[in-house]
Amino acid sequence: MKIQEERVLLLMEENGITQRKMAQDLAISPTTLNGYLHGKYLHVPDDVIREIADYLQVSVDYITDRSALLQIGNGIHDKEEAVVFDNYRHLRPSDKKIAADLISQLLKNNYEDSSKA
């Protein structure tokens, strides 16, 4: 699972917590914590995510934005779809529009191809 950098950094700022202080309190090296917060690792261990959430007094869902995945429920069927969805969420708004337009065009092409067969 990945951590939503903006949310964690905002909580830290609001509470006057530095990365060095947080790393020390959680017994994590400052370099490793920095990597977790800035997406340098593809996966942050679940126990570390729980510790960070507890430390900041928020839910794991909040700092991982898992609630967004839960809202679409069974709409995600495999890891590849989850990756596509996660990547989409990190696009700039203008790029999201391009991606949505591209998907619409691909679906239209698929529909046209299937109706010709």
PDB file of N, CA and C in Angstrom:
ATOM      1  N   MET A   1       0.840  -1.169   0.000  1.00  0.00           N
ATOM      2  CA  MET A   1       0.000   0.000   0.000  1.00  0.00           C
ATOM      3  C   MET A   1       0.893   1.244   0.000  1.00  0.00           C
ATOM      4  N   LYS A   2       0.388   2.308  -0.574  1.00  0.00           N
ATOM      5  CA  LYS A   2       1.149   3.549  -0.614  1.00  0.00           C
ATOM      6  C   LYS A   2       0.513   4.585   0.315  1.00  0.00           C
ATOM      7  N   ILE A   3       1.336   5.498   0.745  1.00  0.00           N
ATOM      8  CA  ILE A   3       0.890   6.581   1.620  1.00  0.00           C
ATOM      9  C   ILE A   3       0.608   7.814   0.767  1.00  0.00           C
ATOM     10  N   GLN A   4      -0.469   8.528   1.092  1.00  0.00           N
ATOM     11  CA  GLN A   4      -0.778   9.777   0.414  1.00  0.00           C
ATOM     12  C   GLN A   4       0.083  10.880   1.030  1.00  0.00           C
ATOM     13  N   GLU A   5       1.148  11.197   0.325  1.00  0.00           N
ATOM     14  CA  GLU A   5       2.163  12.135   0.812  1.00  0.00           C
ATOM     15  C   GLU A   5       1.559  13.446   1.303  1.00  0.00           C
ATOM     16  N   GLU A   6       0.666  14.031   0.492  1.00  0.00           N
ATOM     17  CA  GLU A   6       0.126  15.345   0.837  1.00  0.00           C
ATOM     18  C   GLU A   6      -0.613  15.317   2.168  1.00  0.00           C
ATOM     19  N   ARG A   7      -1.375  14.257   2.383  1.00  0.00           N
ATOM     20  CA  ARG A   7      -2.164  14.178   3.618  1.00  0.00           C
ATOM     21  C   ARG A   7      -1.265  14.058   4.843  1.00  0.00           C
ATOM     22  N   VAL A   8      -0.269  13.194   4.757  1.00  0.00           N
ATOM     23  CA  VAL A   8       0.619  12.985   5.903  1.00  0.00           C
ATOM     24  C   VAL A   8       1.426  14.241   6.184  1.00  0.00           C
ATOM     25  N   LEU A   9       1.976  14.857   5.145  1.00  0.00           N
ATOM     26  CA  LEU A   9       2.786  16.061   5.353  1.00  0.00           C
ATOM     27  C   LEU A   9       1.949  17.205   5.923  1.00  0.00           C
ATOM     28  N   LEU A  10       0.698  17.314   5.486  1.00  0.00           N
ATOM     29  CA  LEU A  10      -0.182  18.351   6.024  1.00  0.00           C
ATOM     30  C   LEU A  10      -0.468  18.097   7.503  1.00  0.00           C
ATOM     31  N   LEU A  11      -0.750  16.849   7.854  1.00  0.00           N
ATOM     32  CA  LEU A  11      -0.983  16.515   9.264  1.00  0.00           C
ATOM     33  C   LEU A  11       0.253  16.814  10.108  1.00  0.00           C
ATOM     34  N   MET A  12       1.415  16.492   9.574  1.00  0.00           N
ATOM     35  CA  MET A  12       2.658  16.759  10.300  1.00  0.00           C
ATOM     36  C   MET A  12       2.831  18.258  10.509  1.00  0.00           C
ATOM     37  N   GLU A  13       2.585  19.024   9.454  1.00  0.00           N
ATOM     38  CA  GLU A  13       2.736  20.481   9.548  1.00  0.00           C
ATOM     39  C   GLU A  13       1.744  21.063  10.555  1.00  0.00           C
ATOM     40  N   GLU A  14       0.491  20.608  10.478  1.00  0.00           N
ATOM     41  CA  GLU A  14      -0.539  21.113  11.394  1.00  0.00           C
ATOM     42  C   GLU A  14      -0.199  20.823  12.856  1.00  0.00           C
ATOM     43  N   ASN A  15       0.506  19.723  13.087  1.00  0.00           N
ATOM     44  CA  ASN A  15       0.842  19.319  14.456  1.00  0.00           C
ATOM     45  C   ASN A  15       2.276  19.663  14.849  1.00  0.00           C
ATOM     46  N   GLY A  16       2.979  20.395  13.987  1.00  0.00           N
ATOM     47  CA  GLY A  16       4.348  20.801  14.294  1.00  0.00           C
ATOM     48  C   GLY A  16       5.316  19.632  14.426  1.00  0.00           C
ATOM     49  N   ILE A  17       5.108  18.605  13.623  1.00  0.00           N
ATOM     50  CA  ILE A  17       5.953  17.406  13.693  1.00  0.00           C
ATOM     51  C   ILE A  17       6.909  17.397  12.505  1.00  0.00           C
ATOM     52  N   THR A  18       8.190  17.260  12.778  1.00  0.00           N
ATOM     53  CA  THR A  18       9.175  17.145  11.708  1.00  0.00           C
ATOM     54  C   THR A  18       9.340  15.673  11.335  1.00  0.00           C
ATOM     55  N   GLN A  19       9.874  15.437  10.140  1.00  0.00           N
ATOM     56  CA  GLN A  19      10.139  14.055   9.735  1.00  0.00           C
ATOM     57  C   GLN A  19      11.149  13.405  10.672  1.00  0.00           C
ATOM     58  N   ARG A  20      12.134  14.165  11.081  1.00  0.00           N
ATOM     59  CA  ARG A  20      13.152  13.623  11.992  1.00  0.00           C
ATOM     60  C   ARG A  20      12.516  13.182  13.317  1.00  0.00           C
ATOM     61  N   LYS A  21      11.627  14.014  13.866  1.00  0.00           N
ATOM     62  CA  LYS A  21      10.950  13.696  15.130  1.00  0.00           C
ATOM     63  C   LYS A  21      10.061  12.460  14.968  1.00  0.00           C
ATOM     64  N   MET A  22       9.312  12.438  13.886  1.00  0.00           N
ATOM     65  CA  MET A  22       8.428  11.302  13.642  1.00  0.00           C
ATOM     66  C   MET A  22       9.232  10.016  13.478  1.00  0.00           C
ATOM     67  N   ALA A  23      10.295  10.081  12.716  1.00  0.00           N
ATOM     68  CA  ALA A  23      11.145   8.905  12.517  1.00  0.00           C
ATOM     69  C   ALA A  23      11.700   8.416  13.850  1.00  0.00           C
ATOM     70  N   GLN A  24      12.159   9.347  14.660  1.00  0.00           N
ATOM     71  CA  GLN A  24      12.711   8.992  15.973  1.00  0.00           C
ATOM     72  C   GLN A  24      11.641   8.338  16.848  1.00  0.00           C
ATOM     73  N   ASP A  25      10.455   8.935  16.895  1.00  0.00           N
ATOM     74  CA  ASP A  25       9.376   8.402  17.730  1.00  0.00           C
ATOM     75  C   ASP A  25       8.893   7.030  17.259  1.00  0.00           C
ATOM     76  N   LEU A  26       8.959   6.790  15.951  1.00  0.00           N
ATOM     77  CA  LEU A  26       8.498   5.513  15.401  1.00  0.00           C
ATOM     78  C   LEU A  26       9.625   4.496  15.243  1.00  0.00           C
ATOM     79  N   ALA A  27      10.840   4.891  15.624  1.00  0.00           N
ATOM     80  CA  ALA A  27      12.016   4.016  15.504  1.00  0.00           C
ATOM     81  C   ALA A  27      12.236   3.558  14.061  1.00  0.00           C
ATOM     82  N   ILE A  28      12.125   4.528  13.143  1.00  0.00           N
ATOM     83  CA  ILE A  28      12.378   4.310  11.716  1.00  0.00           C
ATOM     84  C   ILE A  28      13.504   5.256  11.332  1.00  0.00           C
ATOM     85  N   SER A  29      14.377   4.836  10.451  1.00  0.00           N
ATOM     86  CA  SER A  29      15.437   5.756  10.043  1.00  0.00           C
ATOM     87  C   SER A  29      14.809   6.926   9.283  1.00  0.00           C
ATOM     88  N   PRO A  30      15.343   8.135   9.464  1.00  0.00           N
ATOM     89  CA  PRO A  30      14.792   9.298   8.760  1.00  0.00           C
ATOM     90  C   PRO A  30      14.780   9.117   7.240  1.00  0.00           C
ATOM     91  N   THR A  31      15.801   8.471   6.703  1.00  0.00           N
ATOM     92  CA  THR A  31      15.872   8.241   5.256  1.00  0.00           C
ATOM     93  C   THR A  31      14.748   7.321   4.800  1.00  0.00           C
ATOM     94  N   THR A  32      14.503   6.267   5.566  1.00  0.00           N
ATOM     95  CA  THR A  32      13.430   5.332   5.217  1.00  0.00           C
ATOM     96  C   THR A  32      12.072   6.012   5.300  1.00  0.00           C
ATOM     97  N   LEU A  33      11.827   6.769   6.364  1.00  0.00           N
ATOM     98  CA  LEU A  33      10.555   7.479   6.496  1.00  0.00           C
ATOM     99  C   LEU A  33      10.370   8.445   5.336  1.00  0.00           C
ATOM    100  N   ASN A  34      11.414   9.165   4.981  1.00  0.00           N
ATOM    101  CA  ASN A  34      11.341  10.092   3.852  1.00  0.00           C
ATOM    102  C   ASN A  34      10.958   9.341   2.579  1.00  0.00           C
ATOM    103  N   GLY A  35      11.551   8.173   2.378  1.00  0.00           N
ATOM    104  CA  GLY A  35      11.221   7.360   1.207  1.00  0.00           C
ATOM    105  C   GLY A  35       9.774   6.913   1.204  1.00  0.00           C
ATOM    106  N   TYR A  36       9.259   6.523   2.369  1.00  0.00           N
ATOM    107  CA  TYR A  36       7.852   6.130   2.473  1.00  0.00           C
ATOM    108  C   TYR A  36       6.937   7.301   2.135  1.00  0.00           C
ATOM    109  N   LEU A  37       7.266   8.474   2.670  1.00  0.00           N
ATOM    110  CA  LEU A  37       6.404   9.638   2.496  1.00  0.00           C
ATOM    111  C   LEU A  37       6.437  10.197   1.087  1.00  0.00           C
ATOM    112  N   HIS A  38       7.548  10.030   0.400  1.00  0.00           N
ATOM    113  CA  HIS A  38       7.692  10.629  -0.925  1.00  0.00           C
ATOM    114  C   HIS A  38       7.613   9.613  -2.055  1.00  0.00           C
ATOM    115  N   GLY A  39       7.073   8.432  -1.753  1.00  0.00           N
ATOM    116  CA  GLY A  39       6.803   7.446  -2.792  1.00  0.00           C
ATOM    117  C   GLY A  39       8.010   6.786  -3.413  1.00  0.00           C
ATOM    118  N   LYS A  40       9.129   6.750  -2.699  1.00  0.00           N
ATOM    119  CA  LYS A  40      10.327   6.117  -3.253  1.00  0.00           C
ATOM    120  C   LYS A  40      10.255   4.598  -3.168  1.00  0.00           C
ATOM    121  N   TYR A  41       9.304   4.094  -2.381  1.00  0.00           N
ATOM    122  CA  TYR A  41       9.094   2.651  -2.254  1.00  0.00           C
ATOM    123  C   TYR A  41       7.726   2.320  -2.843  1.00  0.00           C
ATOM    124  N   LEU A  42       7.649   1.237  -3.607  1.00  0.00           N
ATOM    125  CA  LEU A  42       6.372   0.842  -4.190  1.00  0.00           C
ATOM    126  C   LEU A  42       5.391   0.351  -3.137  1.00  0.00           C
ATOM    127  N   HIS A  43       5.926  -0.177  -2.043  1.00  0.00           N
ATOM    128  CA  HIS A  43       5.062  -0.731  -1.007  1.00  0.00           C
ATOM    129  C   HIS A  43       5.595  -0.330   0.363  1.00  0.00           C
ATOM    130  N   VAL A  44       4.721   0.193   1.180  1.00  0.00           N
ATOM    131  CA  VAL A  44       5.059   0.507   2.567  1.00  0.00           C
ATOM    132  C   VAL A  44       4.449  -0.609   3.417  1.00  0.00           C
ATOM    133  N   PRO A  45       5.235  -1.239   4.287  1.00  0.00           N
ATOM    134  CA  PRO A  45       4.690  -2.329   5.110  1.00  0.00           C
ATOM    135  C   PRO A  45       3.446  -1.888   5.887  1.00  0.00           C
ATOM    136  N   ASP A  46       2.466  -2.791   5.950  1.00  0.00           N
ATOM    137  CA  ASP A  46       1.202  -2.479   6.627  1.00  0.00           C
ATOM    138  C   ASP A  46       1.402  -2.041   8.070  1.00  0.00           C
ATOM    139  N   ASP A  47       2.338  -2.684   8.771  1.00  0.00           N
ATOM    140  CA  ASP A  47       2.549  -2.312  10.175  1.00  0.00           C
ATOM    141  C   ASP A  47       3.085  -0.889  10.295  1.00  0.00           C
ATOM    142  N   VAL A  48       3.902  -0.464   9.345  1.00  0.00           N
ATOM    143  CA  VAL A  48       4.431   0.906   9.358  1.00  0.00           C
ATOM    144  C   VAL A  48       3.304   1.898   9.074  1.00  0.00           C
ATOM    145  N   ILE A  49       2.442   1.553   8.128  1.00  0.00           N
ATOM    146  CA  ILE A  49       1.306   2.428   7.824  1.00  0.00           C
ATOM    147  C   ILE A  49       0.423   2.590   9.058  1.00  0.00           C
ATOM    148  N   ARG A  50       0.162   1.490   9.761  1.00  0.00           N
ATOM    149  CA  ARG A  50      -0.650   1.560  10.982  1.00  0.00           C
ATOM    150  C   ARG A  50       0.024   2.433  12.037  1.00  0.00           C
ATOM    151  N   GLU A  51       1.345   2.278  12.185  1.00  0.00           N
ATOM    152  CA  GLU A  51       2.069   3.082  13.170  1.00  0.00           C
ATOM    153  C   GLU A  51       1.999   4.570  12.834  1.00  0.00           C
ATOM    154  N   ILE A  52       2.153   4.898  11.562  1.00  0.00           N
ATOM    155  CA  ILE A  52       2.085   6.302  11.142  1.00  0.00           C
ATOM    156  C   ILE A  52       0.681   6.848  11.377  1.00  0.00           C
ATOM    157  N   ALA A  53      -0.340   6.079  11.008  1.00  0.00           N
ATOM    158  CA  ALA A  53      -1.725   6.518  11.218  1.00  0.00           C
ATOM    159  C   ALA A  53      -2.004   6.729  12.703  1.00  0.00           C
ATOM    160  N   ASP A  54      -1.586   5.778  13.525  1.00  0.00           N
ATOM    161  CA  ASP A  54      -1.790   5.917  14.974  1.00  0.00           C
ATOM    162  C   ASP A  54      -1.054   7.140  15.511  1.00  0.00           C
ATOM    163  N   TYR A  55       0.161   7.337  15.052  1.00  0.00           N
ATOM    164  CA  TYR A  55       0.975   8.465  15.503  1.00  0.00           C
ATOM    165  C   TYR A  55       0.291   9.795  15.177  1.00  0.00           C
ATOM    166  N   LEU A  56      -0.319   9.857  13.993  1.00  0.00           N
ATOM    167  CA  LEU A  56      -0.981  11.089  13.560  1.00  0.00           C
ATOM    168  C   LEU A  56      -2.450  11.141  13.983  1.00  0.00           C
ATOM    169  N   GLN A  57      -2.897  10.086  14.651  1.00  0.00           N
ATOM    170  CA  GLN A  57      -4.267   9.986  15.162  1.00  0.00           C
ATOM    171  C   GLN A  57      -5.323  10.091  14.059  1.00  0.00           C
ATOM    172  N   VAL A  58      -5.067   9.353  12.977  1.00  0.00           N
ATOM    173  CA  VAL A  58      -6.021   9.254  11.870  1.00  0.00           C
ATOM    174  C   VAL A  58      -6.142   7.783  11.479  1.00  0.00           C
ATOM    175  N   SER A  59      -7.068   7.490  10.600  1.00  0.00           N
ATOM    176  CA  SER A  59      -7.245   6.108  10.158  1.00  0.00           C
ATOM    177  C   SER A  59      -6.242   5.758   9.057  1.00  0.00           C
ATOM    178  N   VAL A  60      -5.995   4.472   8.924  1.00  0.00           N
ATOM    179  CA  VAL A  60      -5.153   3.983   7.829  1.00  0.00           C
ATOM    180  C   VAL A  60      -5.794   4.364   6.500  1.00  0.00           C
ATOM    181  N   ASP A  61      -7.117   4.238   6.410  1.00  0.00           N
ATOM    182  CA  ASP A  61      -7.815   4.602   5.174  1.00  0.00           C
ATOM    183  C   ASP A  61      -7.542   6.049   4.781  1.00  0.00           C
ATOM    184  N   TYR A  62      -7.458   6.932   5.768  1.00  0.00           N
ATOM    185  CA  TYR A  62      -7.233   8.343   5.465  1.00  0.00           C
ATOM    186  C   TYR A  62      -5.852   8.571   4.856  1.00  0.00           C
ATOM    187  N   ILE A  63      -4.814   7.990   5.434  1.00  0.00           N
ATOM    188  CA  ILE A  63      -3.467   8.287   4.922  1.00  0.00           C
ATOM    189  C   ILE A  63      -3.099   7.465   3.691  1.00  0.00           C
ATOM    190  N   THR A  64      -3.881   6.438   3.373  1.00  0.00           N
ATOM    191  CA  THR A  64      -3.614   5.661   2.156  1.00  0.00           C
ATOM    192  C   THR A  64      -4.638   5.954   1.080  1.00  0.00           C
ATOM    193  N   ASP A  65      -5.651   6.716   1.412  1.00  0.00           N
ATOM    194  CA  ASP A  65      -6.774   7.022   0.529  1.00  0.00           C
ATOM    195  C   ASP A  65      -7.462   5.740   0.077  1.00  0.00           C
ATOM    196  N   ARG A  66      -7.414   4.732   0.943  1.00  0.00           N
ATOM    197  CA  ARG A  66      -8.068   3.468   0.644  1.00  0.00           C
ATOM    198  C   ARG A  66      -9.575   3.645   0.519  1.00  0.00           C
ATOM    199  N   SER A  67     -10.102   4.676   1.132  1.00  0.00           N
ATOM    200  CA  SER A  67     -11.545   4.913   1.057  1.00  0.00           C
ATOM    201  C   SER A  67     -11.991   5.102  -0.386  1.00  0.00           C
ATOM    202  N   ALA A  68     -11.132   5.691  -1.219  1.00  0.00           N
ATOM    203  CA  ALA A  68     -11.484   5.865  -2.631  1.00  0.00           C
ATOM    204  C   ALA A  68     -11.618   4.509  -3.313  1.00  0.00           C
ATOM    205  N   LEU A  69     -10.725   3.578  -2.975  1.00  0.00           N
ATOM    206  CA  LEU A  69     -10.824   2.239  -3.547  1.00  0.00           C
ATOM    207  C   LEU A  69     -12.039   1.508  -3.004  1.00  0.00           C
ATOM    208  N   LEU A  70     -12.361   1.704  -1.736  1.00  0.00           N
ATOM    209  CA  LEU A  70     -13.513   1.038  -1.146  1.00  0.00           C
ATOM    210  C   LEU A  70     -14.813   1.540  -1.760  1.00  0.00           C
ATOM    211  N   GLN A  71     -14.854   2.802  -2.154  1.00  0.00           N
ATOM    212  CA  GLN A  71     -16.077   3.365  -2.713  1.00  0.00           C
ATOM    213  C   GLN A  71     -16.460   2.701  -4.028  1.00  0.00           C
ATOM    214  N   ILE A  72     -15.479   2.249  -4.793  1.00  0.00           N
ATOM    215  CA  ILE A  72     -15.820   1.604  -6.052  1.00  0.00           C
ATOM    216  C   ILE A  72     -15.982   0.103  -5.880  1.00  0.00           C
ATOM    217  N   GLY A  73     -15.760  -0.362  -4.650  1.00  0.00           N
ATOM    218  CA  GLY A  73     -16.065  -1.732  -4.271  1.00  0.00           C
ATOM    219  C   GLY A  73     -15.539  -2.777  -5.218  1.00  0.00           C
ATOM    220  N   ASN A  74     -16.432  -3.612  -5.687  1.00  0.00           N
ATOM    221  CA  ASN A  74     -16.048  -4.730  -6.538  1.00  0.00           C
ATOM    222  C   ASN A  74     -15.760  -4.307  -7.967  1.00  0.00           C
ATOM    223  N   GLY A  75     -15.744  -3.024  -8.230  1.00  0.00           N
ATOM    224  CA  GLY A  75     -15.438  -2.551  -9.572  1.00  0.00           C
ATOM    225  C   GLY A  75     -14.018  -2.871  -9.997  1.00  0.00           C
ATOM    226  N   ILE A  76     -13.108  -3.045  -9.068  1.00  0.00           N
ATOM    227  CA  ILE A  76     -11.731  -3.410  -9.388  1.00  0.00           C
ATOM    228  C   ILE A  76     -11.609  -4.917  -9.238  1.00  0.00           C
ATOM    229  N   HIS A  77     -11.213  -5.566 -10.330  1.00  0.00           N
ATOM    230  CA  HIS A  77     -11.200  -7.026 -10.350  1.00  0.00           C
ATOM    231  C   HIS A  77      -9.823  -7.637 -10.217  1.00  0.00           C
ATOM    232  N   ASP A  78      -8.785  -6.873 -10.490  1.00  0.00           N
ATOM    233  CA  ASP A  78      -7.449  -7.444 -10.369  1.00  0.00           C
ATOM    234  C   ASP A  78      -6.435  -6.340 -10.089  1.00  0.00           C
ATOM    235  N   LYS A  79      -5.211  -6.769  -9.863  1.00  0.00           N
ATOM    236  CA  LYS A  79      -4.148  -5.827  -9.492  1.00  0.00           C
ATOM    237  C   LYS A  79      -3.892  -4.808 -10.599  1.00  0.00           C
ATOM    238  N   GLU A  80      -3.968  -5.245 -11.854  1.00  0.00           N
ATOM    239  CA  GLU A  80      -3.715  -4.338 -12.976  1.00  0.00           C
ATOM    240  C   GLU A  80      -4.725  -3.188 -12.986  1.00  0.00           C
ATOM    241  N   GLU A  81      -5.992  -3.493 -12.750  1.00  0.00           N
ATOM    242  CA  GLU A  81      -7.003  -2.443 -12.695  1.00  0.00           C
ATOM    243  C   GLU A  81      -6.755  -1.500 -11.519  1.00  0.00           C
ATOM    244  N   ALA A  82      -6.336  -2.049 -10.397  1.00  0.00           N
ATOM    245  CA  ALA A  82      -6.046  -1.218  -9.227  1.00  0.00           C
ATOM    246  C   ALA A  82      -4.892  -0.267  -9.515  1.00  0.00           C
ATOM    247  N   VAL A  83      -3.872  -0.752 -10.219  1.00  0.00           N
ATOM    248  CA  VAL A  83      -2.720   0.088 -10.563  1.00  0.00           C
ATOM    249  C   VAL A  83      -3.153   1.211 -11.503  1.00  0.00           C
ATOM    250  N   VAL A  84      -3.970   0.869 -12.502  1.00  0.00           N
ATOM    251  CA  VAL A  84      -4.451   1.887 -13.442  1.00  0.00           C
ATOM    252  C   VAL A  84      -5.248   2.959 -12.693  1.00  0.00           C
ATOM    253  N   PHE A  85      -6.137   2.521 -11.812  1.00  0.00           N
ATOM    254  CA  PHE A  85      -6.941   3.464 -11.034  1.00  0.00           C
ATOM    255  C   PHE A  85      -6.056   4.344 -10.161  1.00  0.00           C
ATOM    256  N   ASP A  86      -5.083   3.732  -9.483  1.00  0.00           N
ATOM    257  CA  ASP A  86      -4.185   4.482  -8.605  1.00  0.00           C
ATOM    258  C   ASP A  86      -3.373   5.498  -9.404  1.00  0.00           C
ATOM    259  N   ASN A  87      -2.866   5.082 -10.561  1.00  0.00           N
ATOM    260  CA  ASN A  87      -2.095   6.002 -11.401  1.00  0.00           C
ATOM    261  C   ASN A  87      -2.960   7.162 -11.884  1.00  0.00           C
ATOM    262  N   TYR A  88      -4.197   6.867 -12.262  1.00  0.00           N
ATOM    263  CA  TYR A  88      -5.113   7.913 -12.718  1.00  0.00           C
ATOM    264  C   TYR A  88      -5.307   8.982 -11.641  1.00  0.00           C
ATOM    265  N   ARG A  89      -5.458   8.551 -10.387  1.00  0.00           N
ATOM    266  CA  ARG A  89      -5.681   9.486  -9.289  1.00  0.00           C
ATOM    267  C   ARG A  89      -4.527  10.460  -9.110  1.00  0.00           C
ATOM    268  N   HIS A  90      -3.340  10.093  -9.571  1.00  0.00           N
ATOM    269  CA  HIS A  90      -2.169  10.948  -9.381  1.00  0.00           C
ATOM    270  C   HIS A  90      -1.888  11.857 -10.582  1.00  0.00           C
ATOM    271  N   LEU A  91      -2.747  11.797 -11.599  1.00  0.00           N
ATOM    272  CA  LEU A  91      -2.565  12.658 -12.766  1.00  0.00           C
ATOM    273  C   LEU A  91      -3.034  14.082 -12.482  1.00  0.00           C
ATOM    274  N   ARG A  92      -2.482  15.022 -13.260  1.00  0.00           N
ATOM    275  CA  ARG A  92      -2.989  16.395 -13.215  1.00  0.00           C
ATOM    276  C   ARG A  92      -4.392  16.397 -13.821  1.00  0.00           C
ATOM    277  N   PRO A  93      -5.236  17.346 -13.448  1.00  0.00           N
ATOM    278  CA  PRO A  93      -6.603  17.384 -13.994  1.00  0.00           C
ATOM    279  C   PRO A  93      -6.644  17.380 -15.524  1.00  0.00           C
ATOM    280  N   SER A  94      -5.750  18.112 -16.160  1.00  0.00           N
ATOM    281  CA  SER A  94      -5.755  18.140 -17.628  1.00  0.00           C
ATOM    282  C   SER A  94      -5.401  16.770 -18.210  1.00  0.00           C
ATOM    283  N   ASP A  95      -4.500  16.048 -17.547  1.00  0.00           N
ATOM    284  CA  ASP A  95      -4.137  14.714 -18.017  1.00  0.00           C
ATOM    285  C   ASP A  95      -5.246  13.702 -17.736  1.00  0.00           C
ATOM    286  N   LYS A  96      -6.008  13.915 -16.658  1.00  0.00           N
ATOM    287  CA  LYS A  96      -7.152  13.038 -16.383  1.00  0.00           C
ATOM    288  C   LYS A  96      -8.167  13.141 -17.514  1.00  0.00           C
ATOM    289  N   LYS A  97      -8.373  14.353 -18.015  1.00  0.00           N
ATOM    290  CA  LYS A  97      -9.311  14.555 -19.125  1.00  0.00           C
ATOM    291  C   LYS A  97      -8.824  13.811 -20.356  1.00  0.00           C
ATOM    292  N   ILE A  98      -7.536  13.903 -20.646  1.00  0.00           N
ATOM    293  CA  ILE A  98      -6.971  13.197 -21.799  1.00  0.00           C
ATOM    294  C   ILE A  98      -7.157  11.692 -21.637  1.00  0.00           C
ATOM    295  N   ALA A  99      -6.871  11.178 -20.441  1.00  0.00           N
ATOM    296  CA  ALA A  99      -7.018   9.739 -20.182  1.00  0.00           C
ATOM    297  C   ALA A  99      -8.475   9.314 -20.343  1.00  0.00           C
ATOM    298  N   ALA A 100      -9.404  10.096 -19.818  1.00  0.00           N
ATOM    299  CA  ALA A 100     -10.828   9.763 -19.928  1.00  0.00           C
ATOM    300  C   ALA A 100     -11.277   9.776 -21.389  1.00  0.00           C
ATOM    301  N   ASP A 101     -10.813  10.770 -22.152  1.00  0.00           N
ATOM    302  CA  ASP A 101     -11.155  10.839 -23.574  1.00  0.00           C
ATOM    303  C   ASP A 101     -10.593   9.641 -24.331  1.00  0.00           C
ATOM    304  N   LEU A 102      -9.366   9.251 -24.011  1.00  0.00           N
ATOM    305  CA  LEU A 102      -8.739   8.099 -24.662  1.00  0.00           C
ATOM    306  C   LEU A 102      -9.515   6.815 -24.357  1.00  0.00           C
ATOM    307  N   ILE A 103      -9.893   6.635 -23.112  1.00  0.00           N
ATOM    308  CA  ILE A 103     -10.665   5.444 -22.734  1.00  0.00           C
ATOM    309  C   ILE A 103     -12.014   5.437 -23.450  1.00  0.00           C
ATOM    310  N   SER A 104     -12.655   6.583 -23.533  1.00  0.00           N
ATOM    311  CA  SER A 104     -13.933   6.668 -24.249  1.00  0.00           C
ATOM    312  C   SER A 104     -13.767   6.278 -25.708  1.00  0.00           C
ATOM    313  N   GLN A 105     -12.700   6.742 -26.330  1.00  0.00           N
ATOM    314  CA  GLN A 105     -12.447   6.410 -27.735  1.00  0.00           C
ATOM    315  C   GLN A 105     -12.167   4.919 -27.902  1.00  0.00           C
ATOM    316  N   LEU A 106     -11.382   4.341 -26.995  1.00  0.00           N
ATOM    317  CA  LEU A 106     -11.102   2.906 -27.060  1.00  0.00           C
ATOM    318  C   LEU A 106     -12.388   2.092 -26.908  1.00  0.00           C
ATOM    319  N   LEU A 107     -13.248   2.490 -25.991  1.00  0.00           N
ATOM    320  CA  LEU A 107     -14.524   1.791 -25.810  1.00  0.00           C
ATOM    321  C   LEU A 107     -15.402   1.914 -27.051  1.00  0.00           C
ATOM    322  N   LYS A 108     -15.409   3.094 -27.644  1.00  0.00           N
ATOM    323  CA  LYS A 108     -16.181   3.307 -28.871  1.00  0.00           C
ATOM    324  C   LYS A 108     -15.652   2.404 -29.982  1.00  0.00           C
ATOM    325  N   ASN A 109     -14.323   2.328 -30.117  1.00  0.00           N
ATOM    326  CA  ASN A 109     -13.721   1.461 -31.137  1.00  0.00           C
ATOM    327  C   ASN A 109     -14.086   0.000 -30.892  1.00  0.00           C
ATOM    328  N   ASN A 110     -14.042  -0.435 -29.630  1.00  0.00           N
ATOM    329  CA  ASN A 110     -14.405  -1.818 -29.300  1.00  0.00           C
ATOM    330  C   ASN A 110     -15.858  -2.096 -29.664  1.00  0.00           C
ATOM    331  N   TYR A 111     -16.742  -1.147 -29.363  1.00  0.00           N
ATOM    332  CA  TYR A 111     -18.161  -1.313 -29.671  1.00  0.00           C
ATOM    333  C   TYR A 111     -18.365  -1.414 -31.182  1.00  0.00           C
ATOM    334  N   GLU A 112     -17.701  -0.521 -31.936  1.00  0.00           N
ATOM    335  CA  GLU A 112     -17.831  -0.538 -33.392  1.00  0.00           C
ATOM    336  C   GLU A 112     -17.292  -1.836 -33.976  1.00  0.00           C
ATOM    337  N   ASP A 113     -16.158  -2.319 -33.453  1.00  0.00           N
ATOM    338  CA  ASP A 113     -15.578  -3.576 -33.935  1.00  0.00           C
ATOM    339  C   ASP A 113     -16.502  -4.755 -33.656  1.00  0.00           C
ATOM    340  N   SER A 114     -17.119  -4.767 -32.486  1.00  0.00           N
ATOM    341  CA  SER A 114     -17.979  -5.898 -32.125  1.00  0.00           C
ATOM    342  C   SER A 114     -19.288  -5.875 -32.914  1.00  0.00           C
ATOM    343  N   SER A 115     -19.753  -4.697 -33.306  1.00  0.00           N
ATOM    344  CA  SER A 115     -21.003  -4.628 -34.065  1.00  0.00           C
ATOM    345  C   SER A 115     -20.790  -4.996 -35.534  1.00  0.00           C
ATOM    346  N   LYS A 116     -19.547  -4.929 -36.020  1.00  0.00           N
ATOM    347  CA  LYS A 116     -19.228  -5.316 -37.399  1.00  0.00           C
ATOM    348  C   LYS A 116     -19.103  -6.828 -37.535  1.00  0.00           C
ATOM    349  N   ALA A 117     -18.773  -7.491 -36.439  1.00  0.00           N
ATOM    350  CA  ALA A 117     -18.518  -8.937 -36.493  1.00  0.00           C
ATOM    351  C   ALA A 117     -19.775  -9.756 -36.573  1.00  0.00           C
TER     352      ALA A 117
END
